[in-house]
Amino acid sequence: IEQLRATEIICNIPIVALTASTVRGSVERIKNRCDGYLMKPVSKYELFEELAKFLPHQRQVTEIEAVQEETIVLDEPLKAQLRALFLIKYLQIKEFMINSEIEDFSVALRKFAEKNDIVDLVNYANELSHYVNTFKIDKMSSKFLAFERFICKT
């Protein structure tokens, strides 16, 4: 690691350690010397989450595509509730599209939908969660971006 850090041409490239070591001192030493750390076995989800911290990424789905995909009809009082409870968090998540944040969002949204008996919204939240957990990034992005459209549409 020190050799990599000392090599000028690559010294700014983040180092993510992948190890099977569980020895406490060894793990701490690795964490302190590297930019990221993963312990085997690693799921695709964990790998993506760790690499996303260091790699620039953009959404590949346009908002027009998201509108075409999702049509959930909500009455205005429910839209107002959703905006009050979820819009700020949605906009924060939308900026970086971190999987774990989208998963947390889908769980909270599903709870809201179940409490208010909104079947289409429960299905939406379940699909969003499924795409996060199965690493289907394009579908996850498209599904997530649709949220803004169906709560803001009049």
Protein backbone atom coordinates (compact mmCIF):
# COMPACT_ATOMS: atom_id res chain seq x y z
CA ILE A 1 0.00 0.00 0.00
CA GLU A 2 2.82 2.38 0.83
CA GLN A 3 4.41 1.68 -2.57
CA LEU A 4 1.15 2.54 -4.31
CA ARG A 5 0.77 5.73 -2.28
CA ALA A 6 4.39 6.69 -3.07
CA THR A 7 3.98 6.24 -6.83
CA GLU A 8 3.13 9.68 -8.17
CA ILE A 9 1.11 8.58 -11.18
CA ILE A 10 -1.30 6.47 -9.08
CA CYS A 11 -1.06 8.00 -5.61
CA ASN A 12 -4.50 9.64 -5.89
CA ILE A 13 -6.34 6.47 -6.88
CA PRO A 14 -8.46 5.21 -3.97
CA ILE A 15 -7.47 1.84 -2.54
CA VAL A 16 -10.27 -0.49 -1.48
CA ALA A 17 -9.05 -3.51 0.44
CA LEU A 18 -10.78 -6.85 -0.02
CA THR A 19 -9.77 -9.33 2.65
CA ALA A 20 -10.81 -12.46 4.46
CA SER A 21 -8.89 -11.44 7.57
CA THR A 22 -10.86 -11.19 10.78
CA VAL A 23 -7.95 -10.56 13.13
CA ARG A 24 -8.85 -7.34 14.96
CA GLY A 25 -5.46 -5.61 14.71
CA SER A 26 -5.08 -6.62 11.09
CA VAL A 27 -8.51 -5.30 10.14
CA GLU A 28 -7.90 -1.97 11.90
CA ARG A 29 -4.50 -1.61 10.22
CA ILE A 30 -6.03 -2.25 6.79
CA LYS A 31 -8.88 0.20 7.43
CA ASN A 32 -6.42 2.88 8.50
CA ARG A 33 -4.20 2.43 5.45
CA CYS A 34 -6.87 2.14 2.75
CA ASP A 35 -9.66 4.38 1.52
CA GLY A 36 -12.22 1.60 1.70
CA TYR A 37 -12.55 -1.87 3.15
CA LEU A 38 -14.60 -4.97 2.36
CA MET A 39 -14.49 -8.35 4.03
CA LYS A 40 -15.10 -11.56 2.09
CA PRO A 41 -17.56 -12.84 1.15
CA VAL A 42 -18.80 -9.69 -0.56
CA SER A 43 -22.16 -9.27 -2.25
CA LYS A 44 -22.56 -7.24 -5.43
CA TYR A 45 -24.57 -4.77 -3.39
CA GLU A 46 -21.77 -4.25 -0.85
CA LEU A 47 -19.17 -3.95 -3.60
CA PHE A 48 -21.24 -1.38 -5.47
CA GLU A 49 -21.88 0.63 -2.31
CA GLU A 50 -18.17 0.77 -1.49
CA LEU A 51 -17.02 1.59 -5.03
CA ALA A 52 -19.74 4.22 -5.47
CA LYS A 53 -18.04 6.22 -2.72
CA PHE A 54 -15.01 6.69 -4.96
CA LEU A 55 -16.27 6.56 -8.54
CA PRO A 56 -18.14 9.37 -10.24
CA HIS A 57 -21.49 8.14 -11.46
CA GLN A 58 -24.55 9.59 -13.09
CA ARG A 59 -28.08 8.47 -13.51
CA GLN A 60 -28.58 6.97 -16.94
CA VAL A 61 -32.34 7.27 -16.96
CA THR A 62 -33.99 10.48 -18.04
CA GLU A 63 -36.92 11.87 -16.12
CA ILE A 64 -39.06 11.45 -19.24
CA GLU A 65 -38.39 7.70 -19.15
CA ALA A 66 -39.34 7.63 -15.48
CA VAL A 67 -42.64 9.38 -16.21
CA GLN A 68 -43.48 6.89 -18.93
CA GLU A 69 -42.79 3.94 -16.66
CA GLU A 70 -44.78 4.86 -13.57
CA THR A 71 -48.41 5.87 -13.24
CA ILE A 72 -49.79 5.91 -9.73
CA VAL A 73 -52.93 7.92 -9.19
CA LEU A 74 -53.20 9.61 -5.80
CA ASP A 75 -55.70 12.11 -4.50
CA GLU A 76 -54.40 15.56 -3.58
CA PRO A 77 -54.44 15.10 0.23
CA LEU A 78 -52.28 11.96 -0.11
CA LYS A 79 -49.92 13.72 -2.49
CA ALA A 80 -49.59 16.55 0.02
CA GLN A 81 -48.78 14.05 2.79
CA LEU A 82 -46.21 12.29 0.62
CA ARG A 83 -44.59 15.60 -0.31
CA ALA A 84 -44.43 16.66 3.33
CA LEU A 85 -42.98 13.34 4.50
CA PHE A 86 -40.77 12.28 1.60
CA LEU A 87 -39.96 15.02 -0.92
CA ILE A 88 -36.96 16.57 0.85
CA LYS A 89 -35.41 13.14 1.47
CA TYR A 90 -36.13 12.15 -2.14
CA LEU A 91 -34.35 15.24 -3.46
CA GLN A 92 -31.34 14.59 -1.21
CA ILE A 93 -31.10 10.96 -2.35
CA LYS A 94 -31.61 11.93 -6.00
CA GLU A 95 -28.35 13.88 -5.99
CA PHE A 96 -26.10 10.83 -5.42
CA MET A 97 -28.39 7.80 -5.84
CA ILE A 98 -26.81 5.69 -3.08
CA ASN A 99 -28.39 2.24 -2.95
CA SER A 100 -28.66 1.99 0.83
CA GLU A 101 -30.43 5.35 1.00
CA ILE A 102 -32.85 4.31 -1.73
CA GLU A 103 -33.53 1.07 0.14
CA ASP A 104 -34.27 2.99 3.36
CA PHE A 105 -36.53 5.32 1.38
CA SER A 106 -38.44 2.38 -0.10
CA VAL A 107 -38.94 0.82 3.35
CA ALA A 108 -40.33 4.06 4.80
CA LEU A 109 -42.52 4.58 1.74
CA ARG A 110 -43.86 1.02 1.96
CA LYS A 111 -44.78 1.55 5.63
CA PHE A 112 -46.61 4.75 4.74
CA ALA A 113 -48.42 3.03 1.86
CA GLU A 114 -49.44 0.06 3.99
CA LYS A 115 -50.69 2.33 6.78
CA ASN A 116 -52.78 4.28 4.26
CA ASP A 117 -53.83 1.19 2.28
CA ILE A 118 -52.38 2.41 -1.04
CA VAL A 119 -51.79 -0.83 -2.93
CA ASP A 120 -50.11 0.75 -5.97
CA LEU A 121 -47.66 2.58 -3.73
CA VAL A 122 -46.90 -0.61 -1.77
CA ASN A 123 -46.15 -2.31 -5.09
CA TYR A 124 -43.99 0.62 -6.18
CA ALA A 125 -41.97 0.50 -2.94
CA ASN A 126 -41.58 -3.29 -3.20
CA GLU A 127 -40.35 -3.05 -6.80
CA LEU A 128 -37.92 -0.28 -5.88
CA SER A 129 -36.56 -2.38 -3.03
CA HIS A 130 -36.28 -5.40 -5.32
CA TYR A 131 -34.25 -3.45 -7.89
CA VAL A 132 -31.91 -2.19 -5.17
CA ASN A 133 -31.39 -5.66 -3.73
CA THR A 134 -30.89 -7.35 -7.08
CA PHE A 135 -28.43 -4.71 -8.26
CA LYS A 136 -30.58 -3.63 -11.24
CA ILE A 137 -29.27 -0.08 -11.23
CA ASP A 138 -30.99 1.21 -14.38
CA LYS A 139 -34.39 -0.07 -13.26
CA MET A 140 -33.80 1.19 -9.73
CA SER A 141 -32.95 4.66 -11.04
CA SER A 142 -35.96 4.77 -13.31
CA LYS A 143 -38.29 3.56 -10.58
CA PHE A 144 -36.87 5.99 -8.02
CA LEU A 145 -37.10 9.01 -10.35
CA ALA A 146 -40.77 8.26 -10.98
CA PHE A 147 -41.59 9.14 -7.37
CA GLU A 148 -41.25 12.87 -7.94
CA ARG A 149 -43.55 12.75 -10.92
CA PHE A 150 -46.47 11.00 -9.33
CA ILE A 151 -46.46 13.10 -6.16
CA CYS A 152 -46.09 16.40 -8.00
CA LYS A 153 -48.42 15.70 -10.92
CA THR A 154 -51.73 17.53 -10.65
